[in-house]
Amino acid sequence: MATPGSEAIWLWIGTAGMFAGTLYFVARGWGVTDPKQQLFYILSIFITTIATVSYFMMATGFGLTQVEVGGVMLDIYWARYADWMFTTPLLLLDLALLAGASRNTMYTLVGLDVLMIATGAIAAFTASAPIRIVWWGVSTALLLFLLYFLVKALNDAADQQTESVRSLTTTLRNMLIVLWLAYPVVWILGTEGTLGILPLYYETAAFMVLDLVAKVGFGFVLLRSHSVLDQVGQATPAASPADD
């Protein structure tokens, strides 16, 4: 088992940040009795709990391995991919439920997401540098298609919601788009992309900040207004077929 180096400080900060987010969501949702609101809290709490475990694993060296690429040993945090495989679909479910998306839309989003993370993991564990880049390209292409579908599907679904819910959906959707587009950039510039423009220390810091904002920040924005969550599923008169 490999041991984290100087970048471990960022992993411990990530562990503390995710744990603090989990405690905040639990405390804020403690007295919530509405089943619809409870579901958003449950998903958000699971997201940060899984991330807390993942970061603790990486900080203690259990979530770290090494892959030899071109005679160079690369440190690969496999726990990061395990984290993303579970947490990113839950983030999409949170957003899809908020927008009132159909089950088929949710299944499509989750399916594309799992493929994206899986192909990214294949890239990370491939020994050939050129093939790593090919798999990174496949994963990035899936990400772009996922984000395109996310915008189109959620816009259609959110049009049936109240103005407040539409506004919150748009804010969270845009957060995910900006943050998720940054992930493949950090990957290709960092040690895993073999370019090494970003040393492991800064690569780990960048992924930690992105993860914290994408999980704790996302949940904070989602759960900050119970009144907006109460409106989920309430169609506006302007959205009714009679007014089309």
Protein backbone atom coordinates (compact mmCIF):
# COMPACT_ATOMS: atom_id res chain seq x y z
CA MET A 1 0.00 0.00 0.00
CA ALA A 2 1.40 3.37 -1.03
CA THR A 3 1.65 6.25 1.43
CA PRO A 4 0.40 9.78 0.64
CA GLY A 5 3.12 12.45 0.46
CA SER A 6 2.87 16.18 1.05
CA GLU A 7 -0.50 16.23 -0.74
CA ALA A 8 -2.02 14.44 2.27
CA ILE A 9 -2.81 17.83 3.82
CA TRP A 10 -5.40 18.43 1.10
CA LEU A 11 -6.89 14.98 1.67
CA TRP A 12 -7.30 15.67 5.38
CA ILE A 13 -8.89 19.06 4.61
CA GLY A 14 -11.23 17.27 2.21
CA THR A 15 -12.11 14.72 4.90
CA ALA A 16 -12.87 17.47 7.43
CA GLY A 17 -14.83 19.53 4.92
CA MET A 18 -17.00 16.62 3.78
CA PHE A 19 -17.61 15.55 7.38
CA ALA A 20 -18.58 19.10 8.38
CA GLY A 21 -20.97 19.23 5.42
CA THR A 22 -22.54 15.94 6.49
CA LEU A 23 -23.07 17.20 10.04
CA TYR A 24 -24.60 20.43 8.72
CA PHE A 25 -27.05 18.59 6.46
CA VAL A 26 -28.04 16.20 9.26
CA ALA A 27 -28.60 19.07 11.70
CA ARG A 28 -30.55 21.15 9.20
CA GLY A 29 -32.77 18.26 8.17
CA TRP A 30 -33.31 16.84 11.66
CA GLY A 31 -36.79 18.28 12.12
CA VAL A 32 -37.95 17.95 8.50
CA THR A 33 -41.06 15.78 8.27
CA ASP A 34 -42.14 16.33 4.67
CA PRO A 35 -41.23 13.15 2.71
CA LYS A 36 -40.40 15.14 -0.43
CA GLN A 37 -37.92 17.34 1.42
CA GLN A 38 -36.54 14.38 3.35
CA LEU A 39 -35.51 12.74 0.07
CA PHE A 40 -33.32 15.72 -0.86
CA TYR A 41 -31.70 15.59 2.58
CA ILE A 42 -31.14 11.84 2.37
CA LEU A 43 -29.43 12.11 -1.02
CA SER A 44 -27.30 15.09 0.04
CA ILE A 45 -26.24 13.38 3.29
CA PHE A 46 -25.25 10.20 1.46
CA ILE A 47 -23.22 12.23 -1.05
CA THR A 48 -21.07 13.91 1.60
CA THR A 49 -20.89 10.78 3.78
CA ILE A 50 -19.52 8.72 0.89
CA ALA A 51 -17.07 11.53 0.11
CA THR A 52 -15.97 11.68 3.75
CA VAL A 53 -15.15 7.96 3.72
CA SER A 54 -13.37 8.28 0.38
CA TYR A 55 -11.19 11.19 1.52
CA PHE A 56 -10.36 9.45 4.79
CA MET A 57 -9.31 6.37 2.81
CA MET A 58 -7.05 8.47 0.58
CA ALA A 59 -5.60 10.42 3.50
CA THR A 60 -4.65 7.20 5.30
CA GLY A 61 -3.20 5.56 2.19
CA PHE A 62 -5.80 2.84 1.75
CA GLY A 63 -7.31 4.52 -1.33
CA LEU A 64 -3.95 4.97 -3.06
CA THR A 65 -2.12 2.70 -5.48
CA GLN A 66 0.56 3.05 -8.14
CA VAL A 67 0.58 2.42 -11.89
CA GLU A 68 3.72 2.26 -14.01
CA VAL A 69 3.44 4.34 -17.19
CA GLY A 70 6.45 4.59 -19.48
CA GLY A 71 8.80 3.51 -16.72
CA VAL A 72 7.44 6.11 -14.29
CA MET A 73 5.39 5.15 -11.25
CA LEU A 74 2.24 7.28 -10.97
CA ASP A 75 0.28 7.64 -7.73
CA ILE A 76 -3.37 6.90 -8.49
CA TYR A 77 -6.08 7.57 -5.92
CA TRP A 78 -8.50 4.82 -6.87
CA ALA A 79 -10.83 5.80 -3.99
CA ARG A 80 -11.56 9.02 -5.87
CA TYR A 81 -13.11 7.05 -8.73
CA ALA A 82 -15.06 4.86 -6.31
CA ASP A 83 -16.39 8.06 -4.72
CA TRP A 84 -17.42 9.56 -8.06
CA MET A 85 -19.10 6.33 -9.17
CA PHE A 86 -21.59 6.69 -6.29
CA THR A 87 -21.79 10.43 -5.60
CA THR A 88 -22.12 11.86 -9.11
CA PRO A 89 -25.26 9.81 -9.91
CA LEU A 90 -26.75 10.97 -6.58
CA LEU A 91 -26.02 14.60 -7.50
CA LEU A 92 -27.80 14.08 -10.81
CA LEU A 93 -30.75 12.46 -9.03
CA ASP A 94 -30.98 15.45 -6.68
CA LEU A 95 -31.07 17.80 -9.65
CA ALA A 96 -33.47 15.67 -11.71
CA LEU A 97 -35.91 15.32 -8.80
CA LEU A 98 -35.80 19.07 -8.25
CA ALA A 99 -36.64 19.71 -11.90
CA GLY A 100 -39.36 17.06 -11.90
CA ALA A 101 -37.66 15.02 -14.62
CA SER A 102 -39.10 11.71 -15.78
CA ARG A 103 -37.70 8.34 -14.74
CA ASN A 104 -36.39 7.75 -18.26
CA THR A 105 -34.46 11.01 -18.02
CA MET A 106 -33.01 9.97 -14.66
CA TYR A 107 -32.01 6.55 -15.99
CA THR A 108 -30.32 8.15 -19.01
CA LEU A 109 -28.42 10.66 -16.90
CA VAL A 110 -27.21 8.00 -14.46
CA GLY A 111 -26.26 5.61 -17.28
CA LEU A 112 -24.19 8.25 -19.08
CA ASP A 113 -22.60 9.28 -15.81
CA VAL A 114 -21.56 5.74 -14.87
CA LEU A 115 -20.04 5.24 -18.33
CA MET A 116 -18.17 8.54 -17.99
CA ILE A 117 -16.67 7.63 -14.61
CA ALA A 118 -15.88 4.05 -15.67
CA THR A 119 -14.00 5.15 -18.79
CA GLY A 120 -12.16 7.77 -16.72
CA ALA A 121 -11.09 5.04 -14.30
CA ILE A 122 -9.88 2.89 -17.20
CA ALA A 123 -7.77 5.85 -18.34
CA ALA A 124 -6.26 6.18 -14.86
CA PHE A 125 -5.23 2.51 -14.69
CA THR A 126 -3.97 2.09 -18.26
CA ALA A 127 -0.20 1.55 -18.52
CA SER A 128 0.22 3.06 -22.00
CA ALA A 129 0.40 6.87 -22.04
CA PRO A 130 -1.21 7.28 -25.52
CA ILE A 131 -4.03 4.86 -24.66
CA ARG A 132 -4.61 6.75 -21.39
CA ILE A 133 -5.25 9.89 -23.44
CA VAL A 134 -7.64 8.01 -25.73
CA TRP A 135 -9.69 6.80 -22.78
CA TRP A 136 -9.61 10.31 -21.31
CA GLY A 137 -11.03 11.54 -24.63
CA VAL A 138 -13.81 8.95 -24.51
CA SER A 139 -14.68 9.91 -20.94
CA THR A 140 -14.64 13.62 -21.78
CA ALA A 141 -16.86 13.06 -24.82
CA LEU A 142 -19.36 11.22 -22.61
CA LEU A 143 -19.22 14.14 -20.16
CA LEU A 144 -20.01 16.65 -22.90
CA PHE A 145 -22.92 14.54 -24.14
CA LEU A 146 -24.16 14.13 -20.56
CA LEU A 147 -24.09 17.89 -19.96
CA TYR A 148 -25.87 18.55 -23.27
CA PHE A 149 -28.60 16.08 -22.35
CA LEU A 150 -28.75 17.53 -18.83
CA VAL A 151 -29.43 21.03 -20.14
CA LYS A 152 -32.04 19.93 -22.66
CA ALA A 153 -33.90 17.47 -20.44
CA LEU A 154 -33.95 19.61 -17.32
CA ASN A 155 -35.00 22.72 -19.22
CA ASP A 156 -38.01 20.83 -20.57
CA ALA A 157 -38.88 19.42 -17.15
CA ALA A 158 -38.30 22.62 -15.17
CA ASP A 159 -40.61 24.57 -17.49
CA GLN A 160 -43.45 22.82 -15.67
CA GLN A 161 -42.26 24.03 -12.25
CA THR A 162 -42.73 27.31 -10.37
CA GLU A 163 -40.38 30.22 -11.03
CA SER A 164 -38.51 29.64 -7.76
CA VAL A 165 -37.88 25.97 -8.54
CA ARG A 166 -36.82 26.79 -12.11
CA SER A 167 -34.38 29.38 -10.80
CA LEU A 168 -32.86 26.97 -8.28
CA THR A 169 -32.64 24.22 -10.91
CA THR A 170 -30.82 26.56 -13.29
CA THR A 171 -28.39 27.68 -10.57
CA LEU A 172 -27.51 24.13 -9.54
CA ARG A 173 -27.32 22.90 -13.13
CA ASN A 174 -24.90 25.69 -14.04
CA MET A 175 -22.82 24.90 -10.94
CA LEU A 176 -22.45 21.30 -12.04
CA ILE A 177 -21.62 22.23 -15.62
CA VAL A 178 -18.82 24.62 -14.63
CA LEU A 179 -17.39 22.31 -11.97
CA TRP A 180 -17.62 19.09 -13.96
CA LEU A 181 -15.95 20.67 -17.01
CA ALA A 182 -13.00 21.52 -14.78
CA TYR A 183 -12.38 17.87 -13.78
CA PRO A 184 -11.04 16.59 -17.12
CA VAL A 185 -8.88 19.71 -17.43
CA VAL A 186 -7.23 19.04 -14.05
CA TRP A 187 -6.85 15.36 -15.00
CA ILE A 188 -5.11 15.98 -18.33
CA LEU A 189 -2.84 18.70 -16.91
CA GLY A 190 -1.95 16.68 -13.82
CA THR A 191 0.08 13.58 -13.15
CA GLU A 192 -2.65 11.18 -14.24
CA GLY A 193 -2.69 12.72 -17.72
CA THR A 194 1.11 12.20 -17.78
CA LEU A 195 1.68 15.83 -18.84
CA GLY A 196 2.71 16.73 -15.30
CA ILE A 197 1.98 20.44 -15.70
CA LEU A 198 0.18 20.20 -12.37
CA PRO A 199 2.29 18.29 -9.81
CA LEU A 200 0.45 15.80 -7.60
CA TYR A 201 0.35 18.29 -4.71
CA TYR A 202 -1.58 20.89 -6.73
CA GLU A 203 -3.60 18.29 -8.62
CA THR A 204 -4.84 16.86 -5.31
CA ALA A 205 -5.66 20.36 -4.03
CA ALA A 206 -7.62 21.17 -7.20
CA PHE A 207 -9.66 17.96 -7.07
CA MET A 208 -10.37 18.55 -3.37
CA VAL A 209 -11.70 22.07 -3.96
CA LEU A 210 -13.84 20.89 -6.89
CA ASP A 211 -15.21 18.01 -4.81
CA LEU A 212 -16.06 20.22 -1.85
CA VAL A 213 -17.90 22.77 -3.97
CA ALA A 214 -19.63 20.10 -6.09
CA LYS A 215 -20.87 18.18 -3.02
CA VAL A 216 -21.07 20.40 0.06
CA GLY A 217 -21.62 23.61 -1.91
CA PHE A 218 -24.26 21.97 -4.11
CA GLY A 219 -26.10 20.60 -1.08
CA PHE A 220 -25.94 23.92 0.74
CA VAL A 221 -27.51 25.77 -2.20
CA LEU A 222 -30.12 23.03 -2.73
CA LEU A 223 -31.25 22.84 0.90
CA ARG A 224 -31.02 26.49 1.93
CA SER A 225 -34.72 27.21 1.26
CA HIS A 226 -37.43 24.85 2.50
CA SER A 227 -40.08 27.04 0.90
CA VAL A 228 -38.63 26.41 -2.57
CA LEU A 229 -38.43 22.66 -1.97
CA ASP A 230 -42.08 22.75 -0.92
CA GLN A 231 -42.95 23.96 -4.42
CA VAL A 232 -41.34 21.03 -6.24
CA GLY A 233 -43.98 19.32 -8.37
CA GLN A 234 -46.38 22.25 -8.26
CA ALA A 235 -47.06 23.12 -11.90
CA THR A 236 -47.59 26.81 -12.69
CA PRO A 237 -50.70 27.99 -14.58
CA ALA A 238 -48.42 29.22 -17.36
CA ALA A 239 -47.14 25.69 -17.85
CA SER A 240 -50.56 24.10 -18.34
CA PRO A 241 -51.47 22.78 -21.83
CA ALA A 242 -54.47 25.11 -22.03
CA ASP A 243 -52.19 28.12 -22.12
CA ASP A 244 -49.78 26.77 -24.76
